[in-house]
């Protein structure tokens, strides 16, 4: 954490992480996207992101608590996974740009086959298991109109942009479902408009974002937004679909058992944001969950900190889970071989 790693500047942290695996005689390399790859037993792939959001939170340890940017999101979970990968021999990937474009995760799913299972590293608390995230859709609305006197009654491009967004937001505001996770969150993030330098045209652009719950598809939300257009067009960025995993997978069962064995009460979580788990679940057809130490309410916060006792507890749980899943894979393979020989 003392080595800053905001999105796009993960190279130094990647080299430190590579050196950690090399010191434990693990095969490891940094791929063309900047991800740290340490292949191992593919019964489980442990993966978390190396980047953080910007922000200078001085790194210090006081009374068993580690302060600093990334302690929760997600250098703490990343470190727990690196330690666990060395302890258990499972596969590991530290990826880049989760906080911006998810370029590291997109590269990973295109560059390697699906593992048997994936555990993604984000803060859930040592006794929490995250099974769901909302999806993410971003786009830019663009509209133009002829410049005319402000007394004219017809809408110009700026009014069209305001009216379009108001209609879209109103549509989703009328969703009567209770709970943030199950609703579409609409958010304009930038708004720009005015006459062009030649004085002939009025332009308007709006950058918008949607958080999409699993009960909708990305296509559903995009269809609503486009159906409300009366002028202009929307240029969409690459979407990230929502995900909701079952707690009854072998990963879910392994986590619940391990947490109870550590005298904890398992908590099943759904997050209103989006993570690389969404990408892995969409591309790889395998069980997946997200886990890691830390209080997610401290994500990106100026007082971001992690109790080191929780870090130790989460590492023990994660090691227990990986050992259980590796044994399960061995048993499954042996059973399949016996069946074949019969």
C-alpha atoms as a PDB file:
ATOM      1  CA  UNK A   1       0.000   0.000   0.000  1.00  0.00           C
ATOM      2  CA  UNK A   2       2.964   2.310   0.438  1.00  0.00           C
ATOM      3  CA  UNK A   3       3.448   1.965  -3.332  1.00  0.00           C
ATOM      4  CA  UNK A   4       0.736   4.071  -5.017  1.00  0.00           C
ATOM      5  CA  UNK A   5      -1.170   2.231  -7.751  1.00  0.00           C
ATOM      6  CA  UNK A   6      -4.021   4.350  -9.131  1.00  0.00           C
ATOM      7  CA  UNK A   7      -5.607   2.962 -12.286  1.00  0.00           C
ATOM      8  CA  UNK A   8      -3.105   3.037 -15.142  1.00  0.00           C
ATOM      9  CA  UNK A   9      -0.105   3.190 -12.786  1.00  0.00           C
ATOM     10  CA  UNK A  10       0.049  -0.375 -11.467  1.00  0.00           C
ATOM     11  CA  UNK A  11       3.454  -1.348 -12.907  1.00  0.00           C
ATOM     12  CA  UNK A  12       5.494  -0.928  -9.709  1.00  0.00           C
ATOM     13  CA  UNK A  13       2.982  -2.860  -7.608  1.00  0.00           C
ATOM     14  CA  UNK A  14       2.847  -5.552 -10.313  1.00  0.00           C
ATOM     15  CA  UNK A  15       6.622  -5.997 -10.092  1.00  0.00           C
ATOM     16  CA  UNK A  16       6.456  -6.287  -6.293  1.00  0.00           C
ATOM     17  CA  UNK A  17       3.708  -8.883  -6.585  1.00  0.00           C
ATOM     18  CA  UNK A  18       5.681 -10.823  -9.190  1.00  0.00           C
ATOM     19  CA  UNK A  19       8.716 -10.791  -6.896  1.00  0.00           C
ATOM     20  CA  UNK A  20       6.579 -12.205  -4.064  1.00  0.00           C
ATOM     21  CA  UNK A  21       5.588 -15.228  -6.161  1.00  0.00           C
ATOM     22  CA  UNK A  22       9.139 -15.666  -7.473  1.00  0.00           C
ATOM     23  CA  UNK A  23      10.421 -15.764  -3.888  1.00  0.00           C
ATOM     24  CA  UNK A  24       8.117 -18.740  -3.313  1.00  0.00           C
ATOM     25  CA  UNK A  25       9.284 -20.556  -6.456  1.00  0.00           C
ATOM     26  CA  UNK A  26       6.040 -20.000  -8.339  1.00  0.00           C
ATOM     27  CA  UNK A  27       5.846 -19.566 -12.096  1.00  0.00           C
ATOM     28  CA  UNK A  28       4.753 -15.958 -12.641  1.00  0.00           C
ATOM     29  CA  UNK A  29       4.769 -13.290 -15.328  1.00  0.00           C
ATOM     30  CA  UNK A  30       3.275  -9.915 -16.190  1.00  0.00           C
ATOM     31  CA  UNK A  31       1.132 -10.191 -19.305  1.00  0.00           C
ATOM     32  CA  UNK A  32       0.623  -7.650 -22.088  1.00  0.00           C
ATOM     33  CA  UNK A  33      -2.266  -5.985 -20.248  1.00  0.00           C
ATOM     34  CA  UNK A  34      -0.141  -5.529 -17.105  1.00  0.00           C
ATOM     35  CA  UNK A  35      -1.802  -8.341 -15.133  1.00  0.00           C
ATOM     36  CA  UNK A  36       0.281 -10.533 -12.802  1.00  0.00           C
ATOM     37  CA  UNK A  37      -0.322 -14.191 -13.694  1.00  0.00           C
ATOM     38  CA  UNK A  38       0.726 -17.094 -11.459  1.00  0.00           C
ATOM     39  CA  UNK A  39      -0.819 -20.316 -12.813  1.00  0.00           C
ATOM     40  CA  UNK A  40      -1.333 -23.241 -10.491  1.00  0.00           C
ATOM     41  CA  UNK A  41      -4.070 -25.665  -9.562  1.00  0.00           C
ATOM     42  CA  UNK A  42      -7.006 -24.450 -11.654  1.00  0.00           C
ATOM     43  CA  UNK A  43      -9.514 -25.974  -9.262  1.00  0.00           C
ATOM     44  CA  UNK A  44      -9.652 -22.352  -8.066  1.00  0.00           C
ATOM     45  CA  UNK A  45      -8.552 -19.066  -9.620  1.00  0.00           C
ATOM     46  CA  UNK A  46      -8.004 -16.328  -7.036  1.00  0.00           C
ATOM     47  CA  UNK A  47      -8.110 -12.895  -8.625  1.00  0.00           C
ATOM     48  CA  UNK A  48      -8.267  -9.320  -7.387  1.00  0.00           C
ATOM     49  CA  UNK A  49      -7.301  -5.917  -8.729  1.00  0.00           C
ATOM     50  CA  UNK A  50      -4.023  -4.094  -8.189  1.00  0.00           C
ATOM     51  CA  UNK A  51      -5.295  -0.582  -8.881  1.00  0.00           C
ATOM     52  CA  UNK A  52      -6.864   1.839  -6.433  1.00  0.00           C
ATOM     53  CA  UNK A  53      -8.720   5.098  -6.806  1.00  0.00           C
ATOM     54  CA  UNK A  54      -6.550   8.212  -6.348  1.00  0.00           C
ATOM     55  CA  UNK A  55      -6.130   9.669  -2.887  1.00  0.00           C
ATOM     56  CA  UNK A  56      -3.366  10.151  -0.373  1.00  0.00           C
ATOM     57  CA  UNK A  57      -4.303   8.273   2.791  1.00  0.00           C
ATOM     58  CA  UNK A  58      -1.057   8.071   4.835  1.00  0.00           C
ATOM     59  CA  UNK A  59       0.004   4.462   5.411  1.00  0.00           C
ATOM     60  CA  UNK A  60       0.365   3.613   9.096  1.00  0.00           C
ATOM     61  CA  UNK A  61      -0.432   0.904  11.634  1.00  0.00           C
ATOM     62  CA  UNK A  62      -2.093   1.944  14.894  1.00  0.00           C
ATOM     63  CA  UNK A  63      -3.497  -0.464  17.468  1.00  0.00           C
ATOM     64  CA  UNK A  64      -3.570  -3.321  15.003  1.00  0.00           C
ATOM     65  CA  UNK A  65      -5.301  -1.295  12.286  1.00  0.00           C
ATOM     66  CA  UNK A  66      -3.689  -0.619   8.901  1.00  0.00           C
ATOM     67  CA  UNK A  67      -4.544   2.737   7.344  1.00  0.00           C
ATOM     68  CA  UNK A  68      -3.958   3.660   3.712  1.00  0.00           C
ATOM     69  CA  UNK A  69      -5.451   3.900   0.253  1.00  0.00           C
ATOM     70  CA  UNK A  70      -6.299   0.398  -0.937  1.00  0.00           C
ATOM     71  CA  UNK A  71      -6.344  -1.248   2.488  1.00  0.00           C
ATOM     72  CA  UNK A  72      -9.975  -2.184   1.811  1.00  0.00           C
ATOM     73  CA  UNK A  73     -10.396  -1.700  -1.946  1.00  0.00           C
ATOM     74  CA  UNK A  74      -8.681  -3.872  -2.824  1.00  0.00           C
ATOM     75  CA  UNK A  75      -5.027  -4.246  -1.790  1.00  0.00           C
ATOM     76  CA  UNK A  76      -6.120  -6.023   1.396  1.00  0.00           C
ATOM     77  CA  UNK A  77      -8.099  -8.695  -0.491  1.00  0.00           C
ATOM     78  CA  UNK A  78      -5.339  -8.861  -3.121  1.00  0.00           C
ATOM     79  CA  UNK A  79      -2.693  -9.592  -0.481  1.00  0.00           C
ATOM     80  CA  UNK A  80      -4.898 -12.199   1.209  1.00  0.00           C
ATOM     81  CA  UNK A  81      -5.298 -13.956  -2.127  1.00  0.00           C
ATOM     82  CA  UNK A  82      -1.585 -13.847  -2.939  1.00  0.00           C
ATOM     83  CA  UNK A  83      -0.758 -15.437   0.422  1.00  0.00           C
ATOM     84  CA  UNK A  84      -3.479 -18.058  -0.036  1.00  0.00           C
ATOM     85  CA  UNK A  85      -2.317 -18.908  -3.555  1.00  0.00           C
ATOM     86  CA  UNK A  86       1.188 -19.571  -2.229  1.00  0.00           C
ATOM     87  CA  UNK A  87      -0.140 -21.618   0.699  1.00  0.00           C
ATOM     88  CA  UNK A  88      -2.467 -23.793  -1.377  1.00  0.00           C
ATOM     89  CA  UNK A  89      -0.939 -23.826  -4.862  1.00  0.00           C
ATOM     90  CA  UNK A  90      -4.056 -22.550  -6.642  1.00  0.00           C
ATOM     91  CA  UNK A  91      -3.992 -20.173  -9.620  1.00  0.00           C
ATOM     92  CA  UNK A  92      -3.713 -16.413  -9.123  1.00  0.00           C
ATOM     93  CA  UNK A  93      -4.190 -13.268 -11.185  1.00  0.00           C
ATOM     94  CA  UNK A  94      -3.732  -9.667 -10.091  1.00  0.00           C
ATOM     95  CA  UNK A  95      -5.481  -7.484 -12.665  1.00  0.00           C
ATOM     96  CA  UNK A  96      -5.279  -3.847 -13.722  1.00  0.00           C
ATOM     97  CA  UNK A  97      -7.827  -1.067 -14.202  1.00  0.00           C
ATOM     98  CA  UNK A  98     -10.780  -2.476 -12.273  1.00  0.00           C
ATOM     99  CA  UNK A  99     -11.568   1.014 -11.016  1.00  0.00           C
ATOM    100  CA  UNK A 100     -11.792   2.399 -14.563  1.00  0.00           C
ATOM    101  CA  UNK A 101     -12.249   0.218 -17.660  1.00  0.00           C
ATOM    102  CA  UNK A 102     -11.775  -3.332 -16.283  1.00  0.00           C
ATOM    103  CA  UNK A 103      -9.224  -3.793 -19.074  1.00  0.00           C
ATOM    104  CA  UNK A 104      -7.319  -6.357 -17.004  1.00  0.00           C
ATOM    105  CA  UNK A 105     -10.357  -8.582 -16.480  1.00  0.00           C
ATOM    106  CA  UNK A 106     -11.429  -8.314 -20.113  1.00  0.00           C
ATOM    107  CA  UNK A 107      -7.928  -9.359 -21.188  1.00  0.00           C
ATOM    108  CA  UNK A 108      -7.853 -12.241 -18.706  1.00  0.00           C
ATOM    109  CA  UNK A 109     -11.092 -13.814 -19.945  1.00  0.00           C
ATOM    110  CA  UNK A 110      -9.908 -13.534 -23.552  1.00  0.00           C
ATOM    111  CA  UNK A 111      -6.448 -14.947 -22.858  1.00  0.00           C
ATOM    112  CA  UNK A 112      -7.057 -18.072 -20.794  1.00  0.00           C
ATOM    113  CA  UNK A 113      -9.638 -20.879 -20.576  1.00  0.00           C
ATOM    114  CA  UNK A 114     -12.178 -20.987 -17.799  1.00  0.00           C
ATOM    115  CA  UNK A 115     -10.906 -22.304 -14.462  1.00  0.00           C
ATOM    116  CA  UNK A 116     -13.067 -24.713 -12.498  1.00  0.00           C
ATOM    117  CA  UNK A 117     -14.041 -21.937 -10.076  1.00  0.00           C
ATOM    118  CA  UNK A 118     -13.311 -18.252  -9.488  1.00  0.00           C
ATOM    119  CA  UNK A 119     -13.029 -16.335  -6.232  1.00  0.00           C
ATOM    120  CA  UNK A 120     -12.833 -12.606  -6.881  1.00  0.00           C
ATOM    121  CA  UNK A 121     -11.205 -10.342  -4.321  1.00  0.00           C
ATOM    122  CA  UNK A 122     -13.217  -7.404  -2.986  1.00  0.00           C
ATOM    123  CA  UNK A 123     -14.128  -6.415   0.591  1.00  0.00           C
ATOM    124  CA  UNK A 124     -16.967  -8.465   2.036  1.00  0.00           C
ATOM    125  CA  UNK A 125     -15.797  -8.766   5.629  1.00  0.00           C
ATOM    126  CA  UNK A 126     -14.172 -11.997   6.795  1.00  0.00           C
ATOM    127  CA  UNK A 127     -17.604 -13.600   7.392  1.00  0.00           C
ATOM    128  CA  UNK A 128     -19.335 -12.284   4.244  1.00  0.00           C
ATOM    129  CA  UNK A 129     -19.718 -13.826   0.773  1.00  0.00           C
ATOM    130  CA  UNK A 130     -20.740 -11.566  -2.106  1.00  0.00           C
ATOM    131  CA  UNK A 131     -22.927 -13.333  -4.667  1.00  0.00           C
ATOM    132  CA  UNK A 132     -24.486 -10.484  -6.607  1.00  0.00           C
ATOM    133  CA  UNK A 133     -23.567  -7.193  -8.276  1.00  0.00           C
ATOM    134  CA  UNK A 134     -25.546  -4.852 -10.433  1.00  0.00           C
ATOM    135  CA  UNK A 135     -24.410  -4.368 -14.024  1.00  0.00           C
ATOM    136  CA  UNK A 136     -23.052  -1.172 -15.553  1.00  0.00           C
ATOM    137  CA  UNK A 137     -24.053   0.647 -18.730  1.00  0.00           C
ATOM    138  CA  UNK A 138     -22.534   3.967 -19.773  1.00  0.00           C
ATOM    139  CA  UNK A 139     -23.171   6.099 -22.817  1.00  0.00           C
ATOM    140  CA  UNK A 140     -23.046   9.584 -24.284  1.00  0.00           C
ATOM    141  CA  UNK A 141     -26.119  11.365 -25.629  1.00  0.00           C
ATOM    142  CA  UNK A 142     -25.371  13.792 -28.469  1.00  0.00           C
ATOM    143  CA  UNK A 143     -27.790  16.246 -30.050  1.00  0.00           C
ATOM    144  CA  UNK A 144     -27.587  19.308 -32.315  1.00  0.00           C
ATOM    145  CA  UNK A 145     -30.044  21.980 -33.437  1.00  0.00           C
ATOM    146  CA  UNK A 146     -29.915  25.141 -35.532  1.00  0.00           C
ATOM    147  CA  UNK A 147     -29.076  28.233 -33.510  1.00  0.00           C
ATOM    148  CA  UNK A 148     -32.029  30.591 -33.261  1.00  0.00           C
ATOM    149  CA  UNK A 149     -33.353  33.400 -31.143  1.00  0.00           C
ATOM    150  CA  UNK A 150     -34.172  32.345 -27.572  1.00  0.00           C
ATOM    151  CA  UNK A 151     -37.746  33.580 -28.049  1.00  0.00           C
ATOM    152  CA  UNK A 152     -38.479  30.774 -30.530  1.00  0.00           C
ATOM    153  CA  UNK A 153     -40.825  28.148 -29.043  1.00  0.00           C
ATOM    154  CA  UNK A 154     -39.216  24.979 -30.424  1.00  0.00           C
ATOM    155  CA  UNK A 155     -36.702  23.119 -28.293  1.00  0.00           C
ATOM    156  CA  UNK A 156     -33.028  23.502 -28.955  1.00  0.00           C
ATOM    157  CA  UNK A 157     -30.509  20.679 -28.450  1.00  0.00           C
ATOM    158  CA  UNK A 158     -29.979  21.544 -24.785  1.00  0.00           C
ATOM    159  CA  UNK A 159     -33.704  21.350 -24.007  1.00  0.00           C
ATOM    160  CA  UNK A 160     -33.946  18.077 -25.923  1.00  0.00           C
ATOM    161  CA  UNK A 161     -31.106  16.629 -23.850  1.00  0.00           C
ATOM    162  CA  UNK A 162     -32.706  17.721 -20.567  1.00  0.00           C
ATOM    163  CA  UNK A 163     -36.096  16.372 -21.585  1.00  0.00           C
ATOM    164  CA  UNK A 164     -34.675  13.055 -22.797  1.00  0.00           C
ATOM    165  CA  UNK A 165     -32.841  12.409 -19.563  1.00  0.00           C
ATOM    166  CA  UNK A 166     -35.836  13.448 -17.469  1.00  0.00           C
ATOM    167  CA  UNK A 167     -38.051  10.945 -19.288  1.00  0.00           C
ATOM    168  CA  UNK A 168     -35.528   8.114 -18.880  1.00  0.00           C
ATOM    169  CA  UNK A 169     -34.965   8.825 -15.176  1.00  0.00           C
ATOM    170  CA  UNK A 170     -38.711   9.111 -14.574  1.00  0.00           C
ATOM    171  CA  UNK A 171     -39.345   5.725 -16.190  1.00  0.00           C
ATOM    172  CA  UNK A 172     -37.010   3.941 -13.796  1.00  0.00           C
ATOM    173  CA  UNK A 173     -38.035   6.058 -10.794  1.00  0.00           C
ATOM    174  CA  UNK A 174     -41.527   4.614 -11.207  1.00  0.00           C
ATOM    175  CA  UNK A 175     -40.237   1.085 -10.575  1.00  0.00           C
ATOM    176  CA  UNK A 176     -42.066   0.087  -7.397  1.00  0.00           C
ATOM    177  CA  UNK A 177     -39.599  -2.626  -6.393  1.00  0.00           C
ATOM    178  CA  UNK A 178     -38.184  -1.993  -2.928  1.00  0.00           C
ATOM    179  CA  UNK A 179     -34.459  -2.044  -2.292  1.00  0.00           C
ATOM    180  CA  UNK A 180     -31.634  -0.363  -4.169  1.00  0.00           C
ATOM    181  CA  UNK A 181     -30.152  -3.625  -5.461  1.00  0.00           C
ATOM    182  CA  UNK A 182     -33.352  -4.433  -7.388  1.00  0.00           C
ATOM    183  CA  UNK A 183     -33.749  -1.016  -9.030  1.00  0.00           C
ATOM    184  CA  UNK A 184     -32.030   0.719 -11.944  1.00  0.00           C
ATOM    185  CA  UNK A 185     -29.981   3.666 -10.729  1.00  0.00           C
ATOM    186  CA  UNK A 186     -29.751   6.458 -13.324  1.00  0.00           C
ATOM    187  CA  UNK A 187     -26.990   9.022 -13.096  1.00  0.00           C
ATOM    188  CA  UNK A 188     -25.907  11.869 -15.420  1.00  0.00           C
ATOM    189  CA  UNK A 189     -22.183  12.373 -14.804  1.00  0.00           C
ATOM    190  CA  UNK A 190     -21.375  15.295 -17.154  1.00  0.00           C
ATOM    191  CA  UNK A 191     -23.536  17.764 -19.069  1.00  0.00           C
ATOM    192  CA  UNK A 192     -22.222  20.140 -21.720  1.00  0.00           C
ATOM    193  CA  UNK A 193     -23.969  22.348 -24.243  1.00  0.00           C
ATOM    194  CA  UNK A 194     -24.049  25.631 -26.096  1.00  0.00           C
ATOM    195  CA  UNK A 195     -23.444  27.284 -29.473  1.00  0.00           C
ATOM    196  CA  UNK A 196     -20.621  26.025 -31.674  1.00  0.00           C
ATOM    197  CA  UNK A 197     -17.731  28.457 -32.370  1.00  0.00           C
ATOM    198  CA  UNK A 198     -19.175  29.312 -35.804  1.00  0.00           C
ATOM    199  CA  UNK A 199     -22.430  30.459 -34.188  1.00  0.00           C
ATOM    200  CA  UNK A 200     -24.648  28.301 -36.387  1.00  0.00           C
ATOM    201  CA  UNK A 201     -25.503  25.268 -34.269  1.00  0.00           C
ATOM    202  CA  UNK A 202     -26.385  24.431 -30.659  1.00  0.00           C
ATOM    203  CA  UNK A 203     -24.804  21.224 -29.385  1.00  0.00           C
ATOM    204  CA  UNK A 204     -25.551  19.191 -26.271  1.00  0.00           C
ATOM    205  CA  UNK A 205     -23.816  16.133 -24.827  1.00  0.00           C
ATOM    206  CA  UNK A 206     -24.684  14.175 -21.687  1.00  0.00           C
ATOM    207  CA  UNK A 207     -22.567  11.368 -20.254  1.00  0.00           C
ATOM    208  CA  UNK A 208     -24.878   8.955 -18.457  1.00  0.00           C
ATOM    209  CA  UNK A 209     -24.520   5.819 -16.349  1.00  0.00           C
ATOM    210  CA  UNK A 210     -26.956   3.098 -15.350  1.00  0.00           C
ATOM    211  CA  UNK A 211     -26.567   0.468 -12.634  1.00  0.00           C
ATOM    212  CA  UNK A 212     -28.593  -2.534 -13.762  1.00  0.00           C
ATOM    213  CA  UNK A 213     -30.033  -5.171 -11.371  1.00  0.00           C
ATOM    214  CA  UNK A 214     -30.163  -8.856 -12.375  1.00  0.00           C
ATOM    215  CA  UNK A 215     -33.917  -8.699 -13.017  1.00  0.00           C
ATOM    216  CA  UNK A 216     -33.125  -6.568 -16.103  1.00  0.00           C
ATOM    217  CA  UNK A 217     -30.725  -7.164 -18.962  1.00  0.00           C
ATOM    218  CA  UNK A 218     -28.440  -4.501 -20.364  1.00  0.00           C
ATOM    219  CA  UNK A 219     -30.583  -4.665 -23.503  1.00  0.00           C
ATOM    220  CA  UNK A 220     -33.718  -3.853 -21.500  1.00  0.00           C
ATOM    221  CA  UNK A 221     -32.216  -0.647 -20.136  1.00  0.00           C
ATOM    222  CA  UNK A 222     -30.733   0.388 -23.458  1.00  0.00           C
ATOM    223  CA  UNK A 223     -34.102  -0.166 -25.168  1.00  0.00           C
ATOM    224  CA  UNK A 224     -35.873   2.121 -22.683  1.00  0.00           C
ATOM    225  CA  UNK A 225     -33.247   4.856 -23.096  1.00  0.00           C
ATOM    226  CA  UNK A 226     -33.429   4.728 -26.893  1.00  0.00           C
ATOM    227  CA  UNK A 227     -37.238   4.591 -26.963  1.00  0.00           C
ATOM    228  CA  UNK A 228     -37.360   7.977 -25.211  1.00  0.00           C
ATOM    229  CA  UNK A 229     -35.299   9.694 -27.922  1.00  0.00           C
ATOM    230  CA  UNK A 230     -37.031  12.396 -29.959  1.00  0.00           C
ATOM    231  CA  UNK A 231     -33.815  14.010 -31.159  1.00  0.00           C
ATOM    232  CA  UNK A 232     -30.170  13.014 -31.076  1.00  0.00           C
ATOM    233  CA  UNK A 233     -28.578   9.639 -30.455  1.00  0.00           C
ATOM    234  CA  UNK A 234     -26.759   7.699 -27.741  1.00  0.00           C
ATOM    235  CA  UNK A 235     -23.319   6.177 -28.229  1.00  0.00           C
ATOM    236  CA  UNK A 236     -22.922   3.251 -25.815  1.00  0.00           C
ATOM    237  CA  UNK A 237     -19.712   2.011 -24.221  1.00  0.00           C
ATOM    238  CA  UNK A 238     -18.950  -1.658 -23.620  1.00  0.00           C
ATOM    239  CA  UNK A 239     -21.473  -2.844 -21.011  1.00  0.00           C
ATOM    240  CA  UNK A 240     -20.890  -5.018 -17.958  1.00  0.00           C
ATOM    241  CA  UNK A 241     -23.893  -7.291 -17.272  1.00  0.00           C
ATOM    242  CA  UNK A 242     -25.377  -7.882 -13.802  1.00  0.00           C
ATOM    243  CA  UNK A 243     -24.650 -11.090 -11.897  1.00  0.00           C
ATOM    244  CA  UNK A 244     -26.464 -13.062  -9.209  1.00  0.00           C
ATOM    245  CA  UNK A 245     -24.917 -16.406  -8.203  1.00  0.00           C
ATOM    246  CA  UNK A 246     -26.598 -19.169  -6.218  1.00  0.00           C
ATOM    247  CA  UNK A 247     -25.447 -19.740  -2.623  1.00  0.00           C
ATOM    248  CA  UNK A 248     -25.777 -23.488  -3.288  1.00  0.00           C
ATOM    249  CA  UNK A 249     -22.664 -23.845  -5.475  1.00  0.00           C
ATOM    250  CA  UNK A 250     -19.669 -25.726  -4.109  1.00  0.00           C
ATOM    251  CA  UNK A 251     -17.953 -22.361  -3.535  1.00  0.00           C
ATOM    252  CA  UNK A 252     -20.887 -21.125  -1.481  1.00  0.00           C
ATOM    253  CA  UNK A 253     -20.970 -24.296   0.586  1.00  0.00           C
ATOM    254  CA  UNK A 254     -17.191 -24.225   1.146  1.00  0.00           C
ATOM    255  CA  UNK A 255     -17.295 -20.627   2.368  1.00  0.00           C
ATOM    256  CA  UNK A 256     -20.220 -21.226   4.707  1.00  0.00           C
ATOM    257  CA  UNK A 257     -18.465 -24.243   6.219  1.00  0.00           C
ATOM    258  CA  UNK A 258     -15.118 -22.468   6.594  1.00  0.00           C
ATOM    259  CA  UNK A 259     -16.660 -19.375   8.201  1.00  0.00           C
ATOM    260  CA  UNK A 260     -18.644 -21.470  10.674  1.00  0.00           C
ATOM    261  CA  UNK A 261     -15.530 -23.484  11.531  1.00  0.00           C
ATOM    262  CA  UNK A 262     -13.890 -20.144  12.383  1.00  0.00           C
ATOM    263  CA  UNK A 263     -16.783 -19.369  14.757  1.00  0.00           C
ATOM    264  CA  UNK A 264     -18.415 -16.933  12.364  1.00  0.00           C
ATOM    265  CA  UNK A 265     -21.957 -16.612  11.037  1.00  0.00           C
ATOM    266  CA  UNK A 266     -21.897 -16.474   7.218  1.00  0.00           C
ATOM    267  CA  UNK A 267     -23.508 -13.461   5.593  1.00  0.00           C
ATOM    268  CA  UNK A 268     -24.698 -13.606   1.957  1.00  0.00           C
ATOM    269  CA  UNK A 269     -24.273 -10.220   0.290  1.00  0.00           C
ATOM    270  CA  UNK A 270     -25.518  -8.373  -2.780  1.00  0.00           C
ATOM    271  CA  UNK A 271     -23.652  -5.216  -3.816  1.00  0.00           C
ATOM    272  CA  UNK A 272     -25.218  -2.220  -5.534  1.00  0.00           C
ATOM    273  CA  UNK A 273     -22.016  -1.486  -7.472  1.00  0.00           C
ATOM    274  CA  UNK A 274     -20.198  -3.457 -10.163  1.00  0.00           C
ATOM    275  CA  UNK A 275     -16.964  -5.480 -10.094  1.00  0.00           C
ATOM    276  CA  UNK A 276     -14.804  -7.716 -12.263  1.00  0.00           C
ATOM    277  CA  UNK A 277     -16.890 -10.640 -10.970  1.00  0.00           C
ATOM    278  CA  UNK A 278     -19.582  -9.551 -13.438  1.00  0.00           C
ATOM    279  CA  UNK A 279     -17.190 -10.062 -16.342  1.00  0.00           C
ATOM    280  CA  UNK A 280     -15.914 -13.441 -15.167  1.00  0.00           C
ATOM    281  CA  UNK A 281     -19.449 -14.722 -14.565  1.00  0.00           C
ATOM    282  CA  UNK A 282     -20.587 -13.580 -18.006  1.00  0.00           C
ATOM    283  CA  UNK A 283     -17.733 -15.236 -19.924  1.00  0.00           C
ATOM    284  CA  UNK A 284     -16.721 -18.254 -17.841  1.00  0.00           C
ATOM    285  CA  UNK A 285     -19.319 -20.925 -17.145  1.00  0.00           C
ATOM    286  CA  UNK A 286     -18.162 -21.873 -13.650  1.00  0.00           C
ATOM    287  CA  UNK A 287     -19.106 -21.208 -10.000  1.00  0.00           C
ATOM    288  CA  UNK A 288     -17.951 -17.815  -8.749  1.00  0.00           C
ATOM    289  CA  UNK A 289     -18.108 -15.677  -5.612  1.00  0.00           C
ATOM    290  CA  UNK A 290     -16.435 -12.552  -4.278  1.00  0.00           C
ATOM    291  CA  UNK A 291     -14.668 -12.450  -0.920  1.00  0.00           C
ATOM    292  CA  UNK A 292     -12.114 -10.423   0.993  1.00  0.00           C
ATOM    293  CA  UNK A 293     -11.325  -8.613   4.241  1.00  0.00           C
ATOM    294  CA  UNK A 294     -12.540  -5.104   4.881  1.00  0.00           C
ATOM    295  CA  UNK A 295     -15.617  -2.961   5.393  1.00  0.00           C
ATOM    296  CA  UNK A 296     -16.883  -1.986   1.934  1.00  0.00           C
ATOM    297  CA  UNK A 297     -18.415   1.225   3.308  1.00  0.00           C
ATOM    298  CA  UNK A 298     -14.793   2.452   3.503  1.00  0.00           C
ATOM    299  CA  UNK A 299     -14.204   1.944  -0.258  1.00  0.00           C
ATOM    300  CA  UNK A 300     -12.585   5.107  -1.679  1.00  0.00           C
ATOM    301  CA  UNK A 301     -13.046   6.893   1.668  1.00  0.00           C
ATOM    302  CA  UNK A 302     -10.535   9.354   3.146  1.00  0.00           C
ATOM    303  CA  UNK A 303     -10.370   7.196   6.306  1.00  0.00           C
ATOM    304  CA  UNK A 304      -9.876   3.849   4.538  1.00  0.00           C
ATOM    305  CA  UNK A 305      -8.459   1.290   6.982  1.00  0.00           C
ATOM    306  CA  UNK A 306      -8.352  -2.444   7.685  1.00  0.00           C
ATOM    307  CA  UNK A 307      -8.215  -4.341  10.968  1.00  0.00           C
ATOM    308  CA  UNK A 308      -5.248  -6.697  10.637  1.00  0.00           C
ATOM    309  CA  UNK A 309      -6.998  -9.310  12.776  1.00  0.00           C
ATOM    310  CA  UNK A 310      -9.719  -9.418  10.117  1.00  0.00           C
ATOM    311  CA  UNK A 311      -7.064  -9.782   7.427  1.00  0.00           C
ATOM    312  CA  UNK A 312      -5.673 -12.826   9.261  1.00  0.00           C
ATOM    313  CA  UNK A 313      -9.144 -14.322   9.718  1.00  0.00           C
ATOM    314  CA  UNK A 314     -10.027 -13.873   6.058  1.00  0.00           C
ATOM    315  CA  UNK A 315      -6.760 -15.447   4.934  1.00  0.00           C
ATOM    316  CA  UNK A 316      -7.442 -18.500   7.102  1.00  0.00           C
ATOM    317  CA  UNK A 317     -10.968 -18.792   5.718  1.00  0.00           C
ATOM    318  CA  UNK A 318      -9.751 -18.377   2.154  1.00  0.00           C
ATOM    319  CA  UNK A 319      -7.060 -21.016   2.649  1.00  0.00           C
ATOM    320  CA  UNK A 320      -9.615 -23.416   4.133  1.00  0.00           C
ATOM    321  CA  UNK A 321     -11.976 -22.826   1.192  1.00  0.00           C
ATOM    322  CA  UNK A 322      -9.274 -23.408  -1.426  1.00  0.00           C
ATOM    323  CA  UNK A 323      -8.082 -26.600   0.268  1.00  0.00           C
ATOM    324  CA  UNK A 324     -11.656 -27.925   0.394  1.00  0.00           C
ATOM    325  CA  UNK A 325     -12.282 -27.109  -3.264  1.00  0.00           C
ATOM    326  CA  UNK A 326      -8.983 -28.635  -4.399  1.00  0.00           C
ATOM    327  CA  UNK A 327      -9.857 -31.869  -2.570  1.00  0.00           C
ATOM    328  CA  UNK A 328     -13.328 -31.791  -4.105  1.00  0.00           C
ATOM    329  CA  UNK A 329     -11.828 -31.510  -7.584  1.00  0.00           C
ATOM    330  CA  UNK A 330      -9.461 -34.413  -6.879  1.00  0.00           C
ATOM    331  CA  UNK A 331     -12.351 -36.552  -5.639  1.00  0.00           C
ATOM    332  CA  UNK A 332     -14.465 -35.642  -8.678  1.00  0.00           C
ATOM    333  CA  UNK A 333     -11.630 -36.534 -11.049  1.00  0.00           C
ATOM    334  CA  UNK A 334     -11.026 -39.853  -9.282  1.00  0.00           C
ATOM    335  CA  UNK A 335     -14.743 -40.676  -9.418  1.00  0.00           C
ATOM    336  CA  UNK A 336     -14.833 -39.882 -13.117  1.00  0.00           C
ATOM    337  CA  UNK A 337     -11.799 -42.103 -13.746  1.00  0.00           C
ATOM    338  CA  UNK A 338     -13.328 -45.013 -11.778  1.00  0.00           C
ATOM    339  CA  UNK A 339     -16.578 -44.634 -13.721  1.00  0.00           C
ATOM    340  CA  UNK A 340     -14.667 -44.656 -17.003  1.00  0.00           C
ATOM    341  CA  UNK A 341     -12.640 -47.728 -16.057  1.00  0.00           C
ATOM    342  CA  UNK A 342     -15.785 -49.589 -15.075  1.00  0.00           C
END
